[in-house]
Protein backbone atom coordinates (compact mmCIF):
# COMPACT_ATOMS: atom_id res chain seq x y z
CA MET A 1 -0.05 -0.05 0.01
CA ASP A 2 1.46 3.32 -1.01
CA ASN A 3 2.13 6.18 1.54
CA ASP A 4 -0.81 8.50 0.26
CA THR A 5 -3.35 5.56 0.79
CA LEU A 6 -1.88 4.88 4.20
CA LYS A 7 -2.16 8.58 5.17
CA ARG A 8 -5.77 8.83 4.04
CA LEU A 9 -6.72 5.72 5.97
CA PHE A 10 -4.83 7.01 9.05
CA ASN A 11 -6.81 10.23 9.02
CA ALA A 12 -10.11 8.62 8.20
CA GLY A 13 -9.96 5.86 10.76
CA ALA A 14 -10.17 6.12 14.51
CA ILE A 15 -7.25 5.56 16.89
CA LEU A 16 -7.18 3.68 20.19
CA LEU A 17 -4.27 4.72 22.31
CA VAL A 18 -3.32 2.04 25.07
CA LEU A 19 -0.98 3.58 27.38
CA ASP A 20 1.40 2.10 30.09
CA ALA A 21 0.14 -1.57 29.30
CA PRO A 22 2.22 -4.36 30.77
CA HIS A 23 3.79 -6.19 27.83
CA ASN A 24 4.24 -9.93 27.64
CA GLN A 25 1.39 -10.25 30.02
CA LEU A 26 -1.56 -8.45 28.29
CA GLU A 27 -3.77 -10.20 25.79
CA PHE A 28 -5.43 -7.48 23.79
CA GLY A 29 -8.07 -7.57 21.08
CA ILE A 30 -10.50 -5.53 19.02
CA ASP A 31 -13.42 -7.32 17.37
CA VAL A 32 -12.26 -10.78 16.31
CA ASN A 33 -8.53 -9.83 16.21
CA CYS A 34 -6.57 -10.85 19.39
CA TRP A 35 -2.79 -10.34 20.05
CA ASN A 36 -0.20 -10.41 22.77
CA THR A 37 1.25 -6.87 23.33
CA GLY A 38 4.83 -6.27 22.69
CA PRO A 39 7.12 -3.75 24.45
CA ARG A 40 6.50 -0.97 21.95
CA PHE A 41 2.68 -1.36 21.87
CA LYS A 42 0.74 1.84 22.48
CA GLY A 43 -2.57 1.19 20.65
CA ILE A 44 -4.40 0.41 17.31
CA LYS A 45 -4.84 2.74 14.38
CA ILE A 46 -6.99 2.76 11.17
CA ILE A 47 -9.95 1.60 13.08
CA PRO A 48 -12.99 1.78 10.63
CA PRO A 49 -15.82 4.01 11.97
CA GLY A 50 -18.65 2.15 13.58
CA VAL A 51 -19.35 -0.08 16.42
CA HIS A 52 -16.37 -2.13 17.85
CA PHE A 53 -15.57 -4.18 20.94
CA VAL A 54 -12.24 -3.89 22.66
CA TYR A 55 -11.09 -6.30 25.29
CA TYR A 56 -8.00 -7.45 27.24
CA SER A 57 -7.01 -10.05 29.85
CA LEU A 58 -3.91 -10.44 32.08
CA HIS A 59 -2.16 -13.67 31.69
CA ASN A 60 0.99 -15.19 30.34
CA THR A 61 0.12 -16.70 26.98
CA GLN A 62 2.28 -18.35 24.49
CA SER A 63 2.52 -16.56 21.30
CA THR A 64 3.94 -17.14 17.92
CA GLN A 65 6.16 -14.61 15.96
CA PRO A 66 4.17 -13.61 12.83
CA ASN A 67 5.67 -15.07 9.61
CA ASN A 68 5.97 -13.16 6.41
CA GLU A 69 2.40 -13.87 5.41
CA VAL A 70 0.93 -12.33 8.62
CA PRO A 71 2.17 -8.78 8.79
CA ALA A 72 0.73 -8.09 12.25
CA SER A 73 3.83 -7.51 14.35
CA ASP A 74 4.17 -3.83 13.34
CA ASN A 75 7.86 -3.78 14.56
CA GLY A 76 7.10 -5.39 17.91
CA THR A 77 3.99 -3.65 18.85
CA LEU A 78 1.93 -6.83 18.46
CA GLU A 79 2.30 -10.55 18.35
CA VAL A 80 -0.26 -13.07 17.10
CA THR A 81 -1.84 -14.98 19.95
CA GLU A 82 -2.19 -18.73 19.68
CA GLY A 83 -5.81 -19.79 19.64
CA GLY A 84 -6.91 -16.11 18.80
CA THR A 85 -10.40 -15.28 20.25
CA THR A 86 -10.86 -18.81 21.65
CA GLY A 87 -8.14 -18.57 24.32
CA GLY A 88 -7.75 -16.42 27.37
CA ASP A 89 -8.76 -15.99 31.06
CA VAL A 90 -11.16 -13.44 32.66
CA ARG A 91 -11.61 -10.65 30.07
CA ILE A 92 -12.66 -7.08 30.51
CA GLY A 93 -13.85 -5.23 27.40
CA PHE A 94 -16.07 -2.39 26.27
CA TRP A 95 -18.24 -1.50 23.46
CA HIS A 96 -17.66 1.85 21.66
CA GLN A 97 -19.08 3.68 18.62
CA PHE A 98 -15.76 4.91 17.07
CA GLU A 99 -16.08 8.03 14.89
CA SER A 100 -13.88 9.01 11.88
CA GLY A 101 -10.68 10.69 13.19
CA GLU A 102 -11.69 9.98 16.85
CA VAL A 103 -8.98 9.40 19.42
CA VAL A 104 -9.95 7.12 22.39
CA VAL A 105 -7.40 6.81 25.13
CA MET A 106 -7.08 3.88 27.64
CA LYS A 107 -4.65 4.06 30.43
CA TRP A 108 -3.36 1.16 32.64
CA ASN A 109 -4.10 1.46 36.28
CA ALA A 110 -1.41 -0.63 38.04
CA TYR A 111 -3.17 -0.47 41.31
CA ASN A 112 -6.38 -1.94 40.10
CA GLU A 113 -4.69 -3.89 37.28
CA GLU A 114 -7.15 -2.68 34.65
CA MET A 115 -7.66 -0.27 31.87
CA GLU A 116 -9.45 3.08 32.44
CA LEU A 117 -10.72 5.49 29.85
CA GLU A 118 -9.46 8.97 29.65
CA LYS A 119 -12.39 11.36 29.96
CA ASP A 120 -10.64 14.73 30.44
CA LYS A 121 -11.44 16.75 27.16
CA ASP A 122 -8.25 18.81 27.48
CA GLN A 123 -6.04 15.76 27.90
CA LEU A 124 -7.82 14.10 24.84
CA ALA A 125 -7.27 17.24 22.74
CA ARG A 126 -3.47 17.15 23.71
CA TYR A 127 -3.25 13.43 22.77
CA LYS A 128 -4.98 14.04 19.31
CA ALA A 129 -2.81 16.97 18.62
CA GLY A 130 0.35 14.92 19.04
CA ILE A 131 -1.05 11.70 17.55
CA GLN A 132 1.77 11.48 14.85
CA GLU A 133 4.25 10.82 17.58
CA PHE A 134 2.55 7.57 18.50
CA ASP A 135 2.26 6.33 14.91
CA PRO A 136 5.35 3.91 15.05
CA PHE A 137 3.97 2.30 18.16
CA LEU A 138 0.41 1.66 16.82
CA GLY A 139 -0.72 -1.66 15.36
CA SER A 140 -2.94 -1.53 12.31
CA TYR A 141 -6.50 -2.82 12.29
CA PRO A 142 -6.46 -5.70 9.75
CA LEU A 143 -8.27 -4.21 6.83
CA LEU A 144 -6.49 -5.71 3.77
CA PRO A 145 -6.95 -9.15 2.45
CA PRO A 146 -6.08 -11.91 3.18
CA GLU A 147 -5.87 -10.90 6.94
CA SER A 148 -8.91 -8.66 6.83
CA THR A 149 -11.54 -9.56 9.36
CA TYR A 150 -13.66 -6.38 9.04
CA PRO A 151 -16.20 -7.82 6.47
CA ALA A 152 -17.03 -10.60 8.97
CA TRP A 153 -17.13 -8.22 11.84
CA VAL A 154 -19.76 -6.06 10.00
CA LYS A 155 -21.97 -9.13 9.43
CA LEU A 156 -21.84 -9.89 13.04
CA THR A 157 -22.75 -6.43 14.27
CA ASP A 158 -24.71 -4.68 11.51
CA HIS A 159 -27.71 -4.08 13.64
CA ILE A 160 -25.90 -2.88 16.73
CA THR A 161 -26.08 0.84 17.28
CA LYS A 162 -25.01 3.38 19.91
CA ALA A 163 -28.47 3.12 21.33
CA THR A 164 -28.03 -0.55 21.64
CA ILE A 165 -24.81 -0.16 23.57
CA ASP A 166 -26.14 2.57 25.90
CA SER A 167 -29.39 0.64 26.64
CA ILE A 168 -27.53 -2.67 27.66
CA PHE A 169 -24.02 -1.73 28.85
CA LYS A 170 -24.53 0.78 31.39
CA THR A 171 -20.81 1.40 32.58
CA ASP A 172 -19.34 3.23 29.67
CA GLY A 173 -19.96 0.17 27.57
CA PHE A 174 -17.74 -2.07 29.81
CA VAL A 175 -18.22 -5.75 30.31
CA ASN A 176 -16.44 -7.99 32.77
CA SER A 177 -16.66 -11.74 32.29
CA HIS A 178 -16.40 -12.23 36.10
CA ASP A 179 -19.48 -10.02 36.74
CA ASP A 180 -22.24 -12.47 36.19
CA GLN A 181 -20.59 -15.32 37.88
CA LEU A 182 -20.01 -13.06 40.97
CA GLU A 183 -23.61 -11.93 40.74
CA ALA A 184 -24.68 -15.58 40.73
CA GLU A 185 -22.60 -16.35 43.74
CA LEU A 186 -23.95 -13.38 45.59
CA SER A 187 -27.47 -14.36 44.78
CA ARG A 188 -26.87 -17.80 45.87
CA ALA A 189 -25.45 -16.57 49.21
CA THR A 190 -28.52 -14.27 49.73
CA LYS A 191 -30.84 -17.20 49.26
CA ILE A 192 -28.87 -19.16 51.83
CA ILE A 193 -29.11 -16.33 54.17
CA ASP A 194 -32.87 -15.86 53.58
CA ARG A 195 -33.39 -19.54 54.16
CA GLN A 196 -31.51 -19.47 57.42
CA GLN A 197 -33.54 -16.45 58.59
CA LYS A 198 -36.72 -18.13 57.82
CA GLU A 199 -35.67 -21.25 59.74
CA GLU A 200 -34.76 -18.91 62.65
CA LYS A 201 -38.15 -17.30 62.37
CA HIS A 202 -39.86 -20.72 62.47
CA LYS A 203 -37.95 -21.74 65.52
CA LYS A 204 -38.89 -18.43 67.06
CA ASP A 205 -42.51 -18.87 66.28
CA MET A 206 -42.47 -22.46 67.73
CA ALA A 207 -40.91 -21.02 70.83
CA GLU A 208 -43.57 -18.33 71.13
CA ASP A 209 -46.45 -20.96 70.96
CA SER A 210 -44.68 -22.82 73.78
CA HIS A 211 -44.30 -19.78 75.98
CA ARG A 212 -47.93 -18.55 75.35
CA GLN A 213 -48.99 -21.73 77.05
CA GLN A 214 -46.92 -21.10 80.11
CA ARG A 215 -46.64 -17.40 80.46
CA GLY A 216 -48.68 -14.22 80.02
CA SER A 217 -49.00 -12.16 76.96
CA THR A 218 -46.53 -9.43 78.39
CA ASP A 219 -43.83 -11.92 79.00
CA THR A 220 -44.52 -13.35 75.41
CA ILE A 221 -43.87 -9.95 73.93
CA GLN A 222 -40.66 -9.54 75.77
CA GLU A 223 -39.50 -12.87 74.74
CA GLU A 224 -40.23 -11.98 71.17
CA GLU A 225 -38.11 -8.96 71.30
CA HIS A 226 -35.34 -10.84 72.92
CA VAL A 227 -35.49 -13.52 70.33
CA GLU A 228 -35.26 -11.10 67.59
CA MET A 229 -32.30 -9.45 69.07
CA GLU A 230 -30.50 -12.83 69.70
CA THR A 231 -31.20 -13.86 66.02
CA GLU A 232 -29.45 -10.69 64.75
CA ILE A 233 -26.58 -11.23 66.88
CA THR A 234 -26.09 -14.91 66.32
CA THR A 235 -26.50 -14.87 62.55
CA GLY A 236 -24.09 -12.01 62.16
CA TYR A 237 -25.03 -11.52 58.43
CA ASP A 238 -25.60 -8.35 56.43
CA THR A 239 -27.42 -9.07 53.41
CA LYS A 240 -27.02 -5.61 52.01
CA ALA A 241 -23.17 -5.86 52.41
CA ILE A 242 -23.07 -9.33 50.71
CA ALA A 243 -25.15 -8.02 47.79
CA THR A 244 -22.58 -5.28 47.09
CA PRO A 245 -19.39 -6.38 45.53
CA SER A 246 -16.39 -4.83 47.12
CA VAL A 247 -14.68 -4.22 43.79
CA ALA A 248 -14.08 -0.76 42.36
CA SER A 249 -14.03 0.87 38.97
CA LYS A 250 -14.61 -1.29 35.71
CA SER A 251 -14.18 -4.47 37.82
CA CYS A 252 -17.88 -3.95 38.58
CA THR A 253 -19.83 -3.33 35.40
CA SER A 254 -23.53 -3.21 34.70
CA VAL A 255 -25.06 -5.32 31.83
CA GLU A 256 -28.82 -5.14 31.46
CA PHE A 257 -30.30 -7.26 28.72
CA THR A 258 -34.00 -7.28 28.15
CA SER A 259 -35.81 -9.60 30.56
CA ILE A 260 -37.67 -12.43 28.64
CA ASP A 261 -39.59 -15.11 30.46
CA LEU A 262 -40.28 -17.97 28.01
CA ARG A 263 -42.36 -19.65 30.75
CA SER A 264 -44.90 -16.83 30.67
CA SER A 265 -45.44 -16.60 26.98
CA PHE A 266 -49.25 -15.81 27.00
CA ARG A 267 -51.24 -12.69 27.96
CA LYS A 268 -52.33 -12.07 31.48
CA GLY A 269 -55.69 -13.56 32.04
CA ALA A 270 -55.46 -16.25 29.46
CA VAL A 271 -56.96 -19.65 30.27
CA GLY A 272 -57.36 -23.20 28.88
CA GLU A 273 -56.61 -23.55 25.20
CA GLU A 274 -55.03 -20.09 24.91
CA VAL A 275 -52.43 -20.99 27.57
CA THR A 276 -51.55 -24.25 26.01
CA ARG A 277 -51.29 -22.80 22.55
CA TYR A 278 -49.02 -20.03 23.41
CA SER A 279 -46.89 -22.08 25.73
CA LEU A 280 -45.95 -24.06 22.75
CA ASP A 281 -45.97 -21.19 20.26
CA LYS A 282 -44.04 -18.09 21.49
CA SER A 283 -45.64 -15.78 18.86
CA TRP A 284 -47.71 -13.80 21.45
CA LEU A 285 -44.59 -13.22 23.51
CA LEU A 286 -42.48 -12.14 20.54
CA ASN A 287 -45.09 -9.73 19.41
CA ASN A 288 -45.63 -8.26 22.91
CA LEU A 289 -41.80 -7.74 23.25
CA LEU A 290 -41.56 -6.07 19.80
CA VAL A 291 -44.33 -3.72 20.51
CA THR A 292 -43.74 -2.75 24.12
CA ILE A 293 -39.98 -3.06 24.58
CA TYR A 294 -38.50 -2.63 21.08
CA LYS A 295 -41.16 -0.18 19.85
CA SER A 296 -41.72 -2.30 16.68
CA ASP A 297 -38.12 -1.67 15.75
CA VAL A 298 -36.67 -5.01 14.16
CA ASN A 299 -33.20 -3.56 14.15
CA ALA A 300 -33.39 -2.91 17.99
CA PHE A 301 -34.37 -6.50 18.48
CA LEU A 302 -31.55 -7.91 16.34
CA GLY A 303 -29.08 -5.42 17.69
CA GLU A 304 -29.57 -6.96 21.19
CA PHE A 305 -29.49 -10.45 19.78
CA GLN A 306 -26.15 -9.62 18.07
CA SER A 307 -24.60 -7.83 21.03
CA ALA A 308 -25.45 -10.88 23.18
CA PHE A 309 -23.76 -13.17 20.87
CA VAL A 310 -20.54 -11.10 20.43
CA THR A 311 -20.29 -10.37 24.12
CA MET A 312 -20.62 -14.10 24.78
CA LEU A 313 -17.95 -14.88 22.24
CA LEU A 314 -15.36 -12.28 23.02
CA SER A 315 -15.85 -11.74 26.80
CA TYR A 316 -17.05 -15.23 27.86
CA HIS A 317 -20.07 -13.53 29.55
CA LEU A 318 -22.44 -16.12 30.88
CA GLY A 319 -25.40 -13.69 31.07
CA ALA A 320 -24.94 -12.81 27.42
CA PHE A 321 -25.02 -16.46 26.58
CA ARG A 322 -28.31 -16.97 28.45
CA GLN A 323 -29.90 -13.95 26.49
CA TRP A 324 -28.58 -15.16 23.20
CA LYS A 325 -29.99 -18.50 24.03
CA THR A 326 -33.34 -17.22 25.09
CA MET A 327 -33.81 -14.99 22.08
CA THR A 328 -32.90 -17.79 19.81
CA ILE A 329 -35.60 -20.14 21.36
CA LEU A 330 -38.12 -17.24 21.23
CA VAL A 331 -37.88 -16.69 17.51
CA CYS A 332 -37.52 -20.38 16.53
CA GLN A 333 -40.58 -21.33 18.42
CA SER A 334 -42.83 -18.50 17.20
CA SER A 335 -44.70 -20.64 14.50
CA GLU A 336 -47.71 -18.43 14.14
CA ALA A 337 -45.70 -15.31 13.58
CA ILE A 338 -43.81 -16.93 10.70
CA THR A 339 -46.83 -17.01 8.57
CA SER A 340 -47.60 -13.27 9.11
CA PRO A 341 -46.22 -10.82 6.48
CA ASN A 342 -45.51 -8.36 9.52
CA TYR A 343 -42.66 -10.69 10.59
CA THR A 344 -41.11 -11.61 7.36
CA ARG A 345 -38.35 -9.08 7.66
CA LEU A 346 -37.63 -10.13 11.15
CA PHE A 347 -37.32 -13.87 10.34
CA SER A 348 -35.37 -13.25 7.16
CA GLN A 349 -32.75 -11.08 8.93
CA PHE A 350 -32.73 -13.29 12.07
CA ILE A 351 -31.93 -16.38 9.98
CA GLN A 352 -29.13 -14.46 8.04
CA THR A 353 -27.72 -13.17 11.39
CA LEU A 354 -27.80 -16.66 12.87
CA HIS A 355 -26.10 -18.03 9.73
CA HIS A 356 -23.19 -15.50 10.20
CA GLN A 357 -22.87 -16.27 13.85
CA LEU A 358 -22.73 -20.11 13.34
CA THR A 359 -20.17 -19.85 10.55
CA SER A 360 -18.03 -17.20 12.21
CA ILE A 361 -16.30 -19.39 14.75
CA PRO A 362 -14.94 -22.97 14.82
CA SER A 363 -17.74 -25.48 15.53
CA SER A 364 -15.59 -27.25 18.07
CA PHE A 365 -15.50 -24.03 20.28
CA PHE A 366 -19.25 -23.48 19.84
CA MET A 367 -20.03 -27.07 20.90
CA ASP A 368 -17.73 -26.70 23.83
CA LEU A 369 -19.66 -23.62 24.97
CA LEU A 370 -23.03 -25.22 24.62
CA PHE A 371 -22.21 -28.43 26.52
CA ALA A 372 -20.09 -26.74 29.14
CA SER A 373 -22.91 -24.38 30.14
CA PRO A 374 -23.78 -24.50 33.87
CA ASP A 375 -27.45 -24.18 33.16
CA GLN A 376 -28.07 -27.85 33.33
CA ASP A 377 -31.25 -27.21 35.36
CA ASP A 378 -33.02 -25.07 32.80
CA MET A 379 -31.72 -26.21 29.47
CA THR A 380 -30.83 -29.12 27.29
CA ALA A 381 -27.30 -29.11 25.92
CA ASN A 382 -28.64 -29.49 22.33
CA PHE A 383 -31.18 -26.69 22.64
CA LEU A 384 -29.76 -25.03 19.57
CA GLU A 385 -30.16 -28.09 17.40
CA GLN A 386 -33.67 -28.60 18.53
CA ALA A 387 -34.75 -24.89 18.07
CA LEU A 388 -33.33 -24.87 14.55
CA LYS A 389 -35.26 -28.05 13.63
CA THR A 390 -38.41 -26.50 15.13
CA MET A 391 -37.95 -23.34 13.07
CA GLY A 392 -37.30 -25.48 9.95
CA ARG A 393 -40.48 -27.56 10.37
CA ASN A 394 -42.47 -24.32 11.00
CA ILE A 395 -41.12 -22.62 7.86
CA GLN A 396 -41.58 -25.79 5.85
CA SER A 397 -45.21 -25.96 6.79
CA ALA A 398 -45.87 -22.36 5.84
CA LEU A 399 -44.06 -22.78 2.51
CA ARG A 400 -46.39 -25.71 1.69
CA ARG A 401 -49.28 -23.25 2.20
CA ARG A 402 -47.37 -20.79 -0.03
CA LEU A 403 -46.73 -18.42 2.84
CA CYS A 404 -43.39 -16.65 3.82
CA LEU A 405 -41.88 -17.49 0.43
CA GLU A 406 -39.07 -14.90 1.15
CA LEU A 407 -37.67 -17.23 3.87
CA ARG A 408 -36.97 -20.11 1.53
CA LYS A 409 -33.54 -19.01 0.35
CA PRO A 410 -32.06 -17.83 3.58
CA MET A 411 -33.33 -21.08 5.26
CA HIS A 412 -31.72 -23.16 2.57
CA THR A 413 -28.39 -21.37 3.17
CA LEU A 414 -28.63 -21.85 6.89
CA GLN A 415 -29.59 -25.63 6.42
CA LYS A 416 -26.57 -26.18 4.36
CA ALA A 417 -24.20 -24.31 6.74
CA VAL A 418 -25.46 -26.22 9.82
CA LEU A 419 -25.14 -29.62 8.17
CA GLU A 420 -21.67 -28.84 7.06
CA ASN A 421 -20.49 -27.24 10.27
CA PHE A 422 -22.31 -29.23 12.96
CA GLU A 423 -23.69 -32.19 11.03
CA TRP A 424 -27.21 -31.18 12.21
CA LYS A 425 -29.99 -31.97 9.71
CA ILE A 426 -32.70 -29.24 9.65
CA PRO A 427 -35.84 -31.00 8.30
CA GLY A 428 -37.47 -29.59 5.01
CA ASP A 429 -36.71 -29.04 1.43
CA PHE A 430 -36.09 -25.25 0.90
CA ARG A 431 -34.88 -25.57 -2.54
CA LYS A 432 -38.17 -25.29 -4.16
CA ILE A 433 -41.75 -24.34 -3.14
CA GLN A 434 -43.86 -27.33 -1.95
CA LYS A 435 -47.45 -27.77 -2.94
CA VAL A 436 -48.44 -30.26 -0.44
CA VAL A 437 -50.35 -29.06 2.61
CA GLU A 438 -49.66 -32.02 4.92
CA ILE A 439 -46.46 -32.14 7.18
CA VAL A 440 -44.70 -35.29 7.25
CA SER A 441 -43.74 -36.00 10.92
CA ASP A 442 -40.40 -37.49 11.85
CA GLU A 443 -38.68 -38.54 15.01
CA ASP A 444 -37.73 -34.96 15.74
CA ASP A 445 -41.37 -34.05 16.30
CA GLU A 446 -41.26 -36.07 19.48
CA TYR A 447 -38.91 -33.35 21.05
CA GLU A 448 -40.19 -31.06 23.66
CA GLU A 449 -38.48 -28.45 25.83
CA GLU A 450 -37.62 -29.63 29.20
CA GLY A 451 -37.06 -27.87 32.72
CA GLU A 452 -37.52 -24.05 32.57
CA TYR A 453 -38.72 -23.90 28.95
CA ALA A 454 -41.16 -26.90 29.10
CA PRO A 455 -44.64 -26.03 27.67
CA VAL A 456 -47.71 -25.42 29.87
CA VAL A 457 -50.47 -27.73 29.01
CA VAL A 458 -53.95 -26.91 30.30
CA GLU A 459 -56.54 -29.71 30.39
């Protein structure tokens, strides 16, 4: 690439300065690109304008020096990390909408062992004025083939906007892969404490009944006050203190995905057949969420779906995995909505998005993630395979009635990709339009969701 082209790219792209980072210990990445930092590393240049995810983790990783075919070292600023995006420890990252010519500055806080964003406008202006001095120490965003990952990144995030980021990632876009695990532990501890307090209260009530038989009402009241004081002293627990992590700064981040309860997928007040119908078919819930939460904005729904997947993939965030799983099941099991022209665009773009997601990473990594999920009480390990088969049967049924014809092509593409990458066979022939109305059942029709997502059948 000639110097004039490089200069234009440098000025048009955004720059991320990463200052005082510990080299040889820091794994650093942006989007689906991941490296170990070298001693000269001070950031990334030529970042295309748009939404990006930046992340890092502290650990000693083995790395390989780039060969002549992978010009990623940039004179010692970066080294290619073995395993790429599939390796690493606890990660901290943040979403950001980069603007053309913008300079974002991160500084390493040695005390907290984490990156902090520079927010002082005067400081940012000084860094931007002297940005040319940092150029030799900046790694380049991989834009040129064959190393370019940008087209794949755009397909994974084309529905994510700044509004998406602001509504979900409340702490300057930051995500900590340890947060939701910590939250789960705190929730579990709180439940244990609540149970202990209920047991103490039960013992106290039993004692009160015994005392009432032997003493007057005045003595009983005094005993009640005494038992309450004694319980507070002996338990020694402060639930408010336990519910608040003693971690400062970006180590404690706030991620708020839309709450979706698949077990309550029918309207309030529904009875009998309606409850049974919409427990099996999630169309009512899908429509209710789109209207009330996403304001009929398909892009907003798909933006959250994409952000959950990427956050799960790049920061190993368990809460993001659960949200992606829930939204996948929600759409795949909405059979009535498939036949409505109002939802054709949603299903078409959902199928294309899911195709990009399932072909963007090694199938072995994805299978490890599915089967290693700790949600054994509320999911089956093969939920994705079964959800895809359910959607395939629903679309095939609609096609045979000459409905949702626009979904035939994207569904055929997804069907081929899933068979090639995962050896899962989605039922249905999407190569041509069927004229037969009847649906031929197969062994997959026997599948039903279990546990948390089991349908409600009302006699």
